[in-house]
C-alpha atoms as a PDB file:
ATOM      1  CA  UNK A   1     -66.133  54.361 -37.946  1.00  0.00           C
ATOM      2  CA  UNK A   2     -66.972  50.894 -39.233  1.00  0.00           C
ATOM      3  CA  UNK A   3     -70.117  49.214 -37.823  1.00  0.00           C
ATOM      4  CA  UNK A   4     -68.089  46.383 -36.272  1.00  0.00           C
ATOM      5  CA  UNK A   5     -65.799  48.859 -34.482  1.00  0.00           C
ATOM      6  CA  UNK A   6     -68.796  50.878 -33.226  1.00  0.00           C
ATOM      7  CA  UNK A   7     -70.350  47.698 -31.787  1.00  0.00           C
ATOM      8  CA  UNK A   8     -67.049  46.788 -30.099  1.00  0.00           C
ATOM      9  CA  UNK A   9     -66.768  50.292 -28.646  1.00  0.00           C
ATOM     10  CA  UNK A  10     -70.327  50.181 -27.276  1.00  0.00           C
ATOM     11  CA  UNK A  11     -69.655  46.753 -25.709  1.00  0.00           C
ATOM     12  CA  UNK A  12     -66.468  48.038 -24.070  1.00  0.00           C
ATOM     13  CA  UNK A  13     -68.311  51.065 -22.671  1.00  0.00           C
ATOM     14  CA  UNK A  14     -71.088  48.833 -21.347  1.00  0.00           C
ATOM     15  CA  UNK A  15     -68.494  46.571 -19.666  1.00  0.00           C
ATOM     16  CA  UNK A  16     -66.817  49.593 -18.033  1.00  0.00           C
ATOM     17  CA  UNK A  17     -70.185  50.936 -16.773  1.00  0.00           C
ATOM     18  CA  UNK A  18     -71.108  47.550 -15.307  1.00  0.00           C
ATOM     19  CA  UNK A  19     -67.711  47.321 -13.575  1.00  0.00           C
ATOM     20  CA  UNK A  20     -68.121  50.815 -12.084  1.00  0.00           C
ATOM     21  CA  UNK A  21     -71.642  49.930 -10.913  1.00  0.00           C
ATOM     22  CA  UNK A  22     -70.448  46.809  -9.114  1.00  0.00           C
ATOM     23  CA  UNK A  23     -67.558  48.639  -7.467  1.00  0.00           C
ATOM     24  CA  UNK A  24     -69.909  51.367  -6.277  1.00  0.00           C
ATOM     25  CA  UNK A  25     -72.874  49.238  -5.224  1.00  0.00           C
ATOM     26  CA  UNK A  26     -71.715  45.623  -5.138  1.00  0.00           C
ATOM     27  CA  UNK A  27     -70.762  45.484  -1.468  1.00  0.00           C
ATOM     28  CA  UNK A  28     -73.907  47.410  -0.537  1.00  0.00           C
ATOM     29  CA  UNK A  29     -75.939  44.758  -2.338  1.00  0.00           C
ATOM     30  CA  UNK A  30     -74.089  41.922  -0.581  1.00  0.00           C
ATOM     31  CA  UNK A  31     -74.654  43.517   2.821  1.00  0.00           C
ATOM     32  CA  UNK A  32     -78.322  44.060   2.017  1.00  0.00           C
ATOM     33  CA  UNK A  33     -78.752  40.388   1.171  1.00  0.00           C
ATOM     34  CA  UNK A  34     -77.016  39.283   4.395  1.00  0.00           C
ATOM     35  CA  UNK A  35     -78.984  40.718   7.363  1.00  0.00           C
ATOM     36  CA  UNK A  36     -76.460  39.390   9.893  1.00  0.00           C
ATOM     37  CA  UNK A  37     -73.723  41.479   8.229  1.00  0.00           C
ATOM     38  CA  UNK A  38     -75.627  44.646   9.065  1.00  0.00           C
ATOM     39  CA  UNK A  39     -75.530  44.052  12.816  1.00  0.00           C
ATOM     40  CA  UNK A  40     -73.669  46.819  14.600  1.00  0.00           C
ATOM     41  CA  UNK A  41     -71.898  45.872  17.822  1.00  0.00           C
ATOM     42  CA  UNK A  42     -71.066  48.267  20.623  1.00  0.00           C
ATOM     43  CA  UNK A  43     -68.218  47.753  23.074  1.00  0.00           C
ATOM     44  CA  UNK A  44     -69.742  47.704  26.578  1.00  0.00           C
ATOM     45  CA  UNK A  45     -66.638  46.944  28.673  1.00  0.00           C
ATOM     46  CA  UNK A  46     -67.449  49.966  30.843  1.00  0.00           C
ATOM     47  CA  UNK A  47     -70.670  48.276  32.010  1.00  0.00           C
ATOM     48  CA  UNK A  48     -68.654  45.551  33.743  1.00  0.00           C
ATOM     49  CA  UNK A  49     -66.228  46.294  36.538  1.00  0.00           C
ATOM     50  CA  UNK A  50     -62.477  45.868  36.002  1.00  0.00           C
ATOM     51  CA  UNK A  51     -62.401  43.461  33.099  1.00  0.00           C
ATOM     52  CA  UNK A  52     -59.039  41.880  32.229  1.00  0.00           C
ATOM     53  CA  UNK A  53     -57.380  43.877  29.465  1.00  0.00           C
ATOM     54  CA  UNK A  54     -57.590  41.015  26.954  1.00  0.00           C
ATOM     55  CA  UNK A  55     -61.315  40.353  27.448  1.00  0.00           C
ATOM     56  CA  UNK A  56     -63.949  42.526  25.766  1.00  0.00           C
ATOM     57  CA  UNK A  57     -67.749  42.481  25.804  1.00  0.00           C
ATOM     58  CA  UNK A  58     -69.956  43.637  22.934  1.00  0.00           C
ATOM     59  CA  UNK A  59     -73.705  44.241  22.704  1.00  0.00           C
ATOM     60  CA  UNK A  60     -76.281  44.774  19.968  1.00  0.00           C
ATOM     61  CA  UNK A  61     -79.972  45.504  19.826  1.00  0.00           C
ATOM     62  CA  UNK A  62     -80.085  45.878  16.041  1.00  0.00           C
ATOM     63  CA  UNK A  63     -82.776  44.030  14.141  1.00  0.00           C
ATOM     64  CA  UNK A  64     -81.992  40.711  12.462  1.00  0.00           C
ATOM     65  CA  UNK A  65     -83.794  40.002   9.198  1.00  0.00           C
ATOM     66  CA  UNK A  66     -86.303  42.745  10.114  1.00  0.00           C
ATOM     67  CA  UNK A  67     -87.017  41.080  13.494  1.00  0.00           C
ATOM     68  CA  UNK A  68     -86.141  42.484  16.931  1.00  0.00           C
ATOM     69  CA  UNK A  69     -82.829  41.143  18.139  1.00  0.00           C
ATOM     70  CA  UNK A  70     -80.635  41.384  21.228  1.00  0.00           C
ATOM     71  CA  UNK A  71     -77.302  39.658  21.844  1.00  0.00           C
ATOM     72  CA  UNK A  72     -73.935  39.863  23.597  1.00  0.00           C
ATOM     73  CA  UNK A  73     -70.597  38.345  22.776  1.00  0.00           C
ATOM     74  CA  UNK A  74     -67.317  38.050  24.651  1.00  0.00           C
ATOM     75  CA  UNK A  75     -63.932  38.103  22.927  1.00  0.00           C
ATOM     76  CA  UNK A  76     -61.029  36.733  24.969  1.00  0.00           C
ATOM     77  CA  UNK A  77     -57.358  36.345  24.064  1.00  0.00           C
ATOM     78  CA  UNK A  78     -56.539  32.653  24.435  1.00  0.00           C
ATOM     79  CA  UNK A  79     -52.801  33.267  24.895  1.00  0.00           C
ATOM     80  CA  UNK A  80     -53.325  35.535  27.908  1.00  0.00           C
ATOM     81  CA  UNK A  81     -51.843  33.565  30.789  1.00  0.00           C
ATOM     82  CA  UNK A  82     -53.838  35.685  33.234  1.00  0.00           C
ATOM     83  CA  UNK A  83     -57.029  34.032  31.972  1.00  0.00           C
ATOM     84  CA  UNK A  84     -58.029  30.484  32.884  1.00  0.00           C
ATOM     85  CA  UNK A  85     -60.558  28.763  30.597  1.00  0.00           C
ATOM     86  CA  UNK A  86     -62.311  25.950  32.413  1.00  0.00           C
ATOM     87  CA  UNK A  87     -65.563  24.105  33.051  1.00  0.00           C
ATOM     88  CA  UNK A  88     -67.406  23.420  36.259  1.00  0.00           C
ATOM     89  CA  UNK A  89     -69.943  20.674  36.917  1.00  0.00           C
ATOM     90  CA  UNK A  90     -72.405  20.313  39.765  1.00  0.00           C
ATOM     91  CA  UNK A  91     -71.205  16.756  40.509  1.00  0.00           C
ATOM     92  CA  UNK A  92     -74.682  15.348  39.882  1.00  0.00           C
ATOM     93  CA  UNK A  93     -76.527  18.459  41.041  1.00  0.00           C
ATOM     94  CA  UNK A  94     -77.764  21.477  39.109  1.00  0.00           C
ATOM     95  CA  UNK A  95     -77.145  25.102  39.966  1.00  0.00           C
ATOM     96  CA  UNK A  96     -77.971  28.401  38.337  1.00  0.00           C
ATOM     97  CA  UNK A  97     -75.111  30.353  36.711  1.00  0.00           C
ATOM     98  CA  UNK A  98     -75.328  32.816  39.592  1.00  0.00           C
ATOM     99  CA  UNK A  99     -74.914  29.981  42.101  1.00  0.00           C
ATOM    100  CA  UNK A 100     -71.884  28.665  40.199  1.00  0.00           C
ATOM    101  CA  UNK A 101     -70.477  32.185  40.291  1.00  0.00           C
ATOM    102  CA  UNK A 102     -70.795  32.442  44.086  1.00  0.00           C
ATOM    103  CA  UNK A 103     -69.490  28.918  44.723  1.00  0.00           C
ATOM    104  CA  UNK A 104     -66.007  29.826  43.501  1.00  0.00           C
ATOM    105  CA  UNK A 105     -63.439  30.967  46.048  1.00  0.00           C
ATOM    106  CA  UNK A 106     -62.368  33.551  43.488  1.00  0.00           C
ATOM    107  CA  UNK A 107     -65.426  34.703  41.497  1.00  0.00           C
ATOM    108  CA  UNK A 108     -65.026  34.010  37.763  1.00  0.00           C
ATOM    109  CA  UNK A 109     -64.945  36.818  35.209  1.00  0.00           C
ATOM    110  CA  UNK A 110     -67.464  35.019  32.989  1.00  0.00           C
ATOM    111  CA  UNK A 111     -69.962  32.188  33.410  1.00  0.00           C
ATOM    112  CA  UNK A 112     -71.960  30.800  30.466  1.00  0.00           C
ATOM    113  CA  UNK A 113     -74.127  27.745  29.965  1.00  0.00           C
ATOM    114  CA  UNK A 114     -72.528  24.943  28.000  1.00  0.00           C
ATOM    115  CA  UNK A 115     -73.348  21.272  27.380  1.00  0.00           C
ATOM    116  CA  UNK A 116     -76.649  19.594  26.581  1.00  0.00           C
ATOM    117  CA  UNK A 117     -78.296  17.631  29.370  1.00  0.00           C
ATOM    118  CA  UNK A 118     -81.345  15.528  30.192  1.00  0.00           C
ATOM    119  CA  UNK A 119     -84.125  17.308  32.065  1.00  0.00           C
ATOM    120  CA  UNK A 120     -85.404  13.969  33.390  1.00  0.00           C
ATOM    121  CA  UNK A 121     -82.164  12.542  34.759  1.00  0.00           C
ATOM    122  CA  UNK A 122     -80.019  15.689  35.003  1.00  0.00           C
ATOM    123  CA  UNK A 123     -77.345  13.722  33.134  1.00  0.00           C
ATOM    124  CA  UNK A 124     -74.882  15.728  31.017  1.00  0.00           C
ATOM    125  CA  UNK A 125     -75.120  14.527  27.409  1.00  0.00           C
ATOM    126  CA  UNK A 126     -72.041  16.257  25.987  1.00  0.00           C
ATOM    127  CA  UNK A 127     -68.302  16.061  26.447  1.00  0.00           C
ATOM    128  CA  UNK A 128     -66.664  17.975  29.277  1.00  0.00           C
ATOM    129  CA  UNK A 129     -62.917  18.052  29.918  1.00  0.00           C
ATOM    130  CA  UNK A 130     -61.384  19.782  32.929  1.00  0.00           C
ATOM    131  CA  UNK A 131     -57.638  19.873  33.598  1.00  0.00           C
ATOM    132  CA  UNK A 132     -57.095  17.318  30.848  1.00  0.00           C
ATOM    133  CA  UNK A 133     -59.538  14.735  32.244  1.00  0.00           C
ATOM    134  CA  UNK A 134     -62.932  13.756  30.850  1.00  0.00           C
ATOM    135  CA  UNK A 135     -65.659  14.403  33.403  1.00  0.00           C
ATOM    136  CA  UNK A 136     -68.581  13.799  31.018  1.00  0.00           C
ATOM    137  CA  UNK A 137     -68.821  11.717  27.836  1.00  0.00           C
ATOM    138  CA  UNK A 138     -70.698  12.261  24.594  1.00  0.00           C
ATOM    139  CA  UNK A 139     -73.782  10.209  23.833  1.00  0.00           C
ATOM    140  CA  UNK A 140     -72.447   7.238  21.838  1.00  0.00           C
ATOM    141  CA  UNK A 141     -75.668   5.636  20.539  1.00  0.00           C
ATOM    142  CA  UNK A 142     -79.235   6.632  19.751  1.00  0.00           C
ATOM    143  CA  UNK A 143     -82.113   4.178  19.395  1.00  0.00           C
ATOM    144  CA  UNK A 144     -83.789   4.157  16.017  1.00  0.00           C
ATOM    145  CA  UNK A 145     -87.545   4.446  15.599  1.00  0.00           C
ATOM    146  CA  UNK A 146     -90.220   3.016  13.313  1.00  0.00           C
ATOM    147  CA  UNK A 147     -88.722   0.641  10.764  1.00  0.00           C
ATOM    148  CA  UNK A 148     -85.301   1.237  12.392  1.00  0.00           C
ATOM    149  CA  UNK A 149     -86.438   0.454  15.932  1.00  0.00           C
ATOM    150  CA  UNK A 150     -83.878  -2.355  16.261  1.00  0.00           C
ATOM    151  CA  UNK A 151     -81.030  -0.216  14.939  1.00  0.00           C
ATOM    152  CA  UNK A 152     -78.677   2.057  16.875  1.00  0.00           C
ATOM    153  CA  UNK A 153     -77.182   5.214  15.382  1.00  0.00           C
ATOM    154  CA  UNK A 154     -73.679   6.278  16.428  1.00  0.00           C
ATOM    155  CA  UNK A 155     -73.403  10.079  16.426  1.00  0.00           C
ATOM    156  CA  UNK A 156     -70.125  11.985  16.495  1.00  0.00           C
ATOM    157  CA  UNK A 157     -71.088  15.275  18.075  1.00  0.00           C
ATOM    158  CA  UNK A 158     -68.960  18.387  18.115  1.00  0.00           C
ATOM    159  CA  UNK A 159     -67.058  20.091  20.895  1.00  0.00           C
ATOM    160  CA  UNK A 160     -64.673  22.989  21.266  1.00  0.00           C
ATOM    161  CA  UNK A 161     -61.422  22.403  23.100  1.00  0.00           C
ATOM    162  CA  UNK A 162     -58.413  24.393  24.272  1.00  0.00           C
ATOM    163  CA  UNK A 163     -54.991  22.750  24.453  1.00  0.00           C
ATOM    164  CA  UNK A 164     -52.360  23.305  27.122  1.00  0.00           C
ATOM    165  CA  UNK A 165     -50.628  25.579  24.619  1.00  0.00           C
ATOM    166  CA  UNK A 166     -53.897  27.575  24.387  1.00  0.00           C
ATOM    167  CA  UNK A 167     -54.865  26.664  20.859  1.00  0.00           C
ATOM    168  CA  UNK A 168     -58.555  26.101  20.173  1.00  0.00           C
ATOM    169  CA  UNK A 169     -60.155  23.466  17.956  1.00  0.00           C
ATOM    170  CA  UNK A 170     -63.652  22.311  17.012  1.00  0.00           C
ATOM    171  CA  UNK A 171     -63.995  18.646  16.066  1.00  0.00           C
ATOM    172  CA  UNK A 172     -66.561  15.871  15.785  1.00  0.00           C
ATOM    173  CA  UNK A 173     -65.962  13.373  18.567  1.00  0.00           C
ATOM    174  CA  UNK A 174     -66.599   9.831  19.677  1.00  0.00           C
ATOM    175  CA  UNK A 175     -65.945   9.015  23.313  1.00  0.00           C
ATOM    176  CA  UNK A 176     -65.480   5.680  25.032  1.00  0.00           C
ATOM    177  CA  UNK A 177     -65.455   5.393  28.816  1.00  0.00           C
ATOM    178  CA  UNK A 178     -62.686   2.768  28.496  1.00  0.00           C
ATOM    179  CA  UNK A 179     -60.348   5.474  27.193  1.00  0.00           C
ATOM    180  CA  UNK A 180     -59.337   8.763  28.772  1.00  0.00           C
ATOM    181  CA  UNK A 181     -59.181  10.699  25.504  1.00  0.00           C
ATOM    182  CA  UNK A 182     -61.776  11.397  22.821  1.00  0.00           C
ATOM    183  CA  UNK A 183     -61.459  10.165  19.242  1.00  0.00           C
ATOM    184  CA  UNK A 184     -61.577  13.230  16.969  1.00  0.00           C
ATOM    185  CA  UNK A 185     -62.681  13.486  13.351  1.00  0.00           C
ATOM    186  CA  UNK A 186     -61.365  16.786  12.013  1.00  0.00           C
ATOM    187  CA  UNK A 187     -62.713  16.816   8.444  1.00  0.00           C
ATOM    188  CA  UNK A 188     -66.261  15.465   8.701  1.00  0.00           C
ATOM    189  CA  UNK A 189     -68.633  13.835  11.177  1.00  0.00           C
ATOM    190  CA  UNK A 190     -69.253  10.090  10.992  1.00  0.00           C
ATOM    191  CA  UNK A 191     -72.596   8.695   9.894  1.00  0.00           C
ATOM    192  CA  UNK A 192     -72.817   5.127  11.188  1.00  0.00           C
ATOM    193  CA  UNK A 193     -75.307   2.647  12.602  1.00  0.00           C
ATOM    194  CA  UNK A 194     -75.385  -0.917  13.833  1.00  0.00           C
ATOM    195  CA  UNK A 195     -76.837  -3.432  16.265  1.00  0.00           C
ATOM    196  CA  UNK A 196     -74.536  -2.706  19.209  1.00  0.00           C
ATOM    197  CA  UNK A 197     -76.029  -0.359  21.875  1.00  0.00           C
ATOM    198  CA  UNK A 198     -72.573   0.308  23.351  1.00  0.00           C
ATOM    199  CA  UNK A 199     -70.340   0.730  20.309  1.00  0.00           C
ATOM    200  CA  UNK A 200     -66.575   0.952  20.155  1.00  0.00           C
ATOM    201  CA  UNK A 201     -64.615   3.115  17.723  1.00  0.00           C
ATOM    202  CA  UNK A 202     -64.417   0.106  15.374  1.00  0.00           C
ATOM    203  CA  UNK A 203     -68.213   0.076  14.960  1.00  0.00           C
ATOM    204  CA  UNK A 204     -68.023   3.477  13.250  1.00  0.00           C
ATOM    205  CA  UNK A 205     -66.200   2.067  10.239  1.00  0.00           C
ATOM    206  CA  UNK A 206     -63.829   5.010   9.924  1.00  0.00           C
ATOM    207  CA  UNK A 207     -60.112   5.096  10.644  1.00  0.00           C
ATOM    208  CA  UNK A 208     -59.358   8.784  10.008  1.00  0.00           C
ATOM    209  CA  UNK A 209     -59.480   9.696  13.689  1.00  0.00           C
ATOM    210  CA  UNK A 210     -56.854  11.153  16.014  1.00  0.00           C
ATOM    211  CA  UNK A 211     -56.617  11.426  19.775  1.00  0.00           C
ATOM    212  CA  UNK A 212     -57.973  14.805  20.900  1.00  0.00           C
ATOM    213  CA  UNK A 213     -55.540  16.200  23.459  1.00  0.00           C
ATOM    214  CA  UNK A 214     -57.289  19.053  25.280  1.00  0.00           C
ATOM    215  CA  UNK A 215     -56.889  20.675  28.654  1.00  0.00           C
ATOM    216  CA  UNK A 216     -60.426  22.136  28.601  1.00  0.00           C
ATOM    217  CA  UNK A 217     -63.389  21.256  26.406  1.00  0.00           C
ATOM    218  CA  UNK A 218     -67.147  21.673  26.245  1.00  0.00           C
ATOM    219  CA  UNK A 219     -69.404  19.767  23.886  1.00  0.00           C
ATOM    220  CA  UNK A 220     -72.611  20.661  22.150  1.00  0.00           C
ATOM    221  CA  UNK A 221     -73.617  20.686  18.519  1.00  0.00           C
ATOM    222  CA  UNK A 222     -74.075  21.056  15.741  1.00  0.00           C
ATOM    223  CA  UNK A 223     -70.909  22.484  14.227  1.00  0.00           C
ATOM    224  CA  UNK A 224     -71.699  25.834  12.598  1.00  0.00           C
ATOM    225  CA  UNK A 225     -68.403  26.812  10.950  1.00  0.00           C
ATOM    226  CA  UNK A 226     -65.580  24.649   9.632  1.00  0.00           C
ATOM    227  CA  UNK A 227     -62.385  25.978   8.056  1.00  0.00           C
ATOM    228  CA  UNK A 228     -63.863  29.472   7.827  1.00  0.00           C
ATOM    229  CA  UNK A 229     -67.024  28.398   6.005  1.00  0.00           C
ATOM    230  CA  UNK A 230     -70.568  27.886   7.201  1.00  0.00           C
ATOM    231  CA  UNK A 231     -71.122  24.164   7.623  1.00  0.00           C
ATOM    232  CA  UNK A 232     -74.083  23.218   9.797  1.00  0.00           C
ATOM    233  CA  UNK A 233     -73.937  19.492  10.528  1.00  0.00           C
ATOM    234  CA  UNK A 234     -77.170  19.051  12.475  1.00  0.00           C
ATOM    235  CA  UNK A 235     -78.329  16.125  10.318  1.00  0.00           C
ATOM    236  CA  UNK A 236     -74.978  14.336  10.506  1.00  0.00           C
ATOM    237  CA  UNK A 237     -74.879  14.839  14.284  1.00  0.00           C
ATOM    238  CA  UNK A 238     -78.529  13.731  14.496  1.00  0.00           C
ATOM    239  CA  UNK A 239     -79.672  16.868  16.275  1.00  0.00           C
ATOM    240  CA  UNK A 240     -82.675  19.208  16.039  1.00  0.00           C
ATOM    241  CA  UNK A 241     -84.350  17.469  13.080  1.00  0.00           C
ATOM    242  CA  UNK A 242     -87.047  19.752  11.704  1.00  0.00           C
ATOM    243  CA  UNK A 243     -86.462  22.457  14.344  1.00  0.00           C
ATOM    244  CA  UNK A 244     -83.106  23.741  13.050  1.00  0.00           C
ATOM    245  CA  UNK A 245     -84.850  26.703  11.371  1.00  0.00           C
ATOM    246  CA  UNK A 246     -86.696  27.751  14.536  1.00  0.00           C
ATOM    247  CA  UNK A 247     -85.796  31.082  16.105  1.00  0.00           C
ATOM    248  CA  UNK A 248     -84.785  30.440  19.695  1.00  0.00           C
ATOM    249  CA  UNK A 249     -82.350  31.708  22.336  1.00  0.00           C
ATOM    250  CA  UNK A 250     -78.870  30.528  21.383  1.00  0.00           C
ATOM    251  CA  UNK A 251     -75.446  30.040  22.927  1.00  0.00           C
ATOM    252  CA  UNK A 252     -72.420  29.401  20.733  1.00  0.00           C
ATOM    253  CA  UNK A 253     -68.658  29.364  20.929  1.00  0.00           C
ATOM    254  CA  UNK A 254     -65.912  29.677  18.344  1.00  0.00           C
ATOM    255  CA  UNK A 255     -62.415  30.944  17.762  1.00  0.00           C
ATOM    256  CA  UNK A 256     -60.715  33.313  15.349  1.00  0.00           C
ATOM    257  CA  UNK A 257     -57.550  33.001  13.264  1.00  0.00           C
ATOM    258  CA  UNK A 258     -55.794  35.432  15.621  1.00  0.00           C
ATOM    259  CA  UNK A 259     -56.467  33.091  18.560  1.00  0.00           C
ATOM    260  CA  UNK A 260     -59.399  34.749  20.274  1.00  0.00           C
ATOM    261  CA  UNK A 261     -62.240  32.815  21.867  1.00  0.00           C
ATOM    262  CA  UNK A 262     -65.702  34.122  20.937  1.00  0.00           C
ATOM    263  CA  UNK A 263     -68.703  33.378  23.176  1.00  0.00           C
ATOM    264  CA  UNK A 264     -72.094  34.447  21.789  1.00  0.00           C
ATOM    265  CA  UNK A 265     -75.417  34.525  23.644  1.00  0.00           C
ATOM    266  CA  UNK A 266     -78.661  35.492  21.883  1.00  0.00           C
ATOM    267  CA  UNK A 267     -81.817  36.448  23.742  1.00  0.00           C
ATOM    268  CA  UNK A 268     -84.989  34.864  22.400  1.00  0.00           C
ATOM    269  CA  UNK A 269     -88.693  34.187  22.894  1.00  0.00           C
ATOM    270  CA  UNK A 270     -89.353  37.801  23.896  1.00  0.00           C
ATOM    271  CA  UNK A 271     -91.839  39.034  21.252  1.00  0.00           C
ATOM    272  CA  UNK A 272     -91.168  42.630  20.253  1.00  0.00           C
ATOM    273  CA  UNK A 273     -87.814  42.635  22.081  1.00  0.00           C
ATOM    274  CA  UNK A 274     -85.733  39.734  20.798  1.00  0.00           C
ATOM    275  CA  UNK A 275     -87.060  36.686  19.004  1.00  0.00           C
ATOM    276  CA  UNK A 276     -83.811  34.704  18.837  1.00  0.00           C
ATOM    277  CA  UNK A 277     -82.012  33.242  15.827  1.00  0.00           C
ATOM    278  CA  UNK A 278     -81.925  30.188  13.601  1.00  0.00           C
ATOM    279  CA  UNK A 279     -78.819  28.016  13.349  1.00  0.00           C
ATOM    280  CA  UNK A 280     -77.988  29.611   9.996  1.00  0.00           C
ATOM    281  CA  UNK A 281     -78.329  33.133  11.403  1.00  0.00           C
ATOM    282  CA  UNK A 282     -76.195  32.143  14.391  1.00  0.00           C
ATOM    283  CA  UNK A 283     -73.540  30.707  12.076  1.00  0.00           C
ATOM    284  CA  UNK A 284     -73.565  33.814   9.872  1.00  0.00           C
ATOM    285  CA  UNK A 285     -73.101  36.091  12.882  1.00  0.00           C
ATOM    286  CA  UNK A 286     -70.111  34.067  14.083  1.00  0.00           C
ATOM    287  CA  UNK A 287     -68.576  34.078  10.603  1.00  0.00           C
ATOM    288  CA  UNK A 288     -68.948  37.856  10.435  1.00  0.00           C
ATOM    289  CA  UNK A 289     -67.249  38.112  13.838  1.00  0.00           C
ATOM    290  CA  UNK A 290     -64.220  36.424  12.304  1.00  0.00           C
ATOM    291  CA  UNK A 291     -64.592  32.880  13.618  1.00  0.00           C
ATOM    292  CA  UNK A 292     -62.748  30.143  11.753  1.00  0.00           C
ATOM    293  CA  UNK A 293     -64.636  27.349  13.491  1.00  0.00           C
ATOM    294  CA  UNK A 294     -67.627  27.410  15.822  1.00  0.00           C
ATOM    295  CA  UNK A 295     -70.374  25.278  17.291  1.00  0.00           C
ATOM    296  CA  UNK A 296     -73.787  25.654  18.840  1.00  0.00           C
ATOM    297  CA  UNK A 297     -74.226  24.843  22.542  1.00  0.00           C
ATOM    298  CA  UNK A 298     -77.265  24.181  24.719  1.00  0.00           C
ATOM    299  CA  UNK A 299     -79.808  26.944  24.086  1.00  0.00           C
ATOM    300  CA  UNK A 300     -83.431  27.758  24.813  1.00  0.00           C
ATOM    301  CA  UNK A 301     -84.105  28.548  28.443  1.00  0.00           C
ATOM    302  CA  UNK A 302     -80.538  27.520  29.313  1.00  0.00           C
ATOM    303  CA  UNK A 303     -78.920  30.360  27.318  1.00  0.00           C
ATOM    304  CA  UNK A 304     -77.397  32.773  29.789  1.00  0.00           C
ATOM    305  CA  UNK A 305     -74.132  34.593  30.482  1.00  0.00           C
ATOM    306  CA  UNK A 306     -72.832  36.432  33.515  1.00  0.00           C
ATOM    307  CA  UNK A 307     -69.922  38.855  33.244  1.00  0.00           C
ATOM    308  CA  UNK A 308     -68.366  39.934  36.538  1.00  0.00           C
ATOM    309  CA  UNK A 309     -71.527  38.602  38.161  1.00  0.00           C
ATOM    310  CA  UNK A 310     -73.759  40.882  36.071  1.00  0.00           C
ATOM    311  CA  UNK A 311     -76.530  39.677  33.799  1.00  0.00           C
ATOM    312  CA  UNK A 312     -76.346  40.018  30.014  1.00  0.00           C
ATOM    313  CA  UNK A 313     -79.329  38.483  28.193  1.00  0.00           C
ATOM    314  CA  UNK A 314     -82.556  37.600  29.986  1.00  0.00           C
ATOM    315  CA  UNK A 315     -83.276  33.856  30.143  1.00  0.00           C
ATOM    316  CA  UNK A 316     -86.418  32.852  28.272  1.00  0.00           C
ATOM    317  CA  UNK A 317     -87.911  31.009  31.279  1.00  0.00           C
ATOM    318  CA  UNK A 318     -89.783  34.167  32.307  1.00  0.00           C
ATOM    319  CA  UNK A 319     -86.447  35.822  33.103  1.00  0.00           C
ATOM    320  CA  UNK A 320     -85.519  33.139  35.654  1.00  0.00           C
ATOM    321  CA  UNK A 321     -82.132  31.405  35.495  1.00  0.00           C
ATOM    322  CA  UNK A 322     -82.347  27.685  34.777  1.00  0.00           C
ATOM    323  CA  UNK A 323     -80.393  25.284  37.045  1.00  0.00           C
ATOM    324  CA  UNK A 324     -77.679  23.589  34.971  1.00  0.00           C
ATOM    325  CA  UNK A 325     -75.488  20.528  35.616  1.00  0.00           C
ATOM    326  CA  UNK A 326     -72.407  22.282  34.187  1.00  0.00           C
ATOM    327  CA  UNK A 327     -71.104  25.631  32.911  1.00  0.00           C
ATOM    328  CA  UNK A 328     -68.085  27.089  31.106  1.00  0.00           C
ATOM    329  CA  UNK A 329     -66.033  29.729  32.929  1.00  0.00           C
ATOM    330  CA  UNK A 330     -63.283  32.259  32.374  1.00  0.00           C
ATOM    331  CA  UNK A 331     -61.349  33.003  35.543  1.00  0.00           C
ATOM    332  CA  UNK A 332     -58.757  35.616  36.293  1.00  0.00           C
ATOM    333  CA  UNK A 333     -55.522  34.033  37.480  1.00  0.00           C
ATOM    334  CA  UNK A 334     -54.092  35.391  40.693  1.00  0.00           C
ATOM    335  CA  UNK A 335     -50.771  37.172  40.170  1.00  0.00           C
END
């Protein structure tokens, strides 16, 4: 055989060996480099009495990136007309999730913490929509500091909504108390600033908005997934700053391409039991659960979820439920 042909033959053999190696070990390597992909979830429906057939609860106590980890998630079929997805506020007061649960004439199937709020004033700082009406507005301006102390920043923070036709969406929103519907930016958040402490939509300098028509919605931030890809917009939404890589208790919500709502709660600040997750880890988990879009909600000591009145994760405030000005609920509709 000629030297050139022998070299070509050896190169072809090497190519075939490399291809076989990747097919045999490639996915193993990818899983090894993505700790969140290794998490094994167990269906724990049997731990909760008489769940609706389209709602399922999953649990894990696998490690995350070699750290102890504990989390639950709920998966609910949005098109199930026997499920009602709604929010409940305390009308200026704060109650624990357990108190919200017992206040309902028909106890909800699921109660989870939702929007951000001020500890000082108890004011809800995120969007809430119930029965098509806004009951809480997003923060529309933030005072600058230092050299920008005379400037106001105009954040468009994210929310997840469910339409009357039971389709979910995550968008970046601007709200104005003069209007009964939010302005939605579907492709990217707005980065804007100005001198006006109470801006209108025109102060944002963008015209690519649409009215956001939702029956139910809960706001938070930042967005974690957009169009099936991890896209954490904490800087654009002017949230968390240098703390976005901290491991803390987390609550998040998203939806899948087959129209299921995913609600994730992660226990944190329990050394040796569950340390929590970063925003990137939280986003990766939701992506691996099949979410197309998702966002982070109020976390820390507020993270908590009840299913059929039973506790899932332990709250980080020494195991004590934190009073909240609002929660998200799934109710079973009476037949």
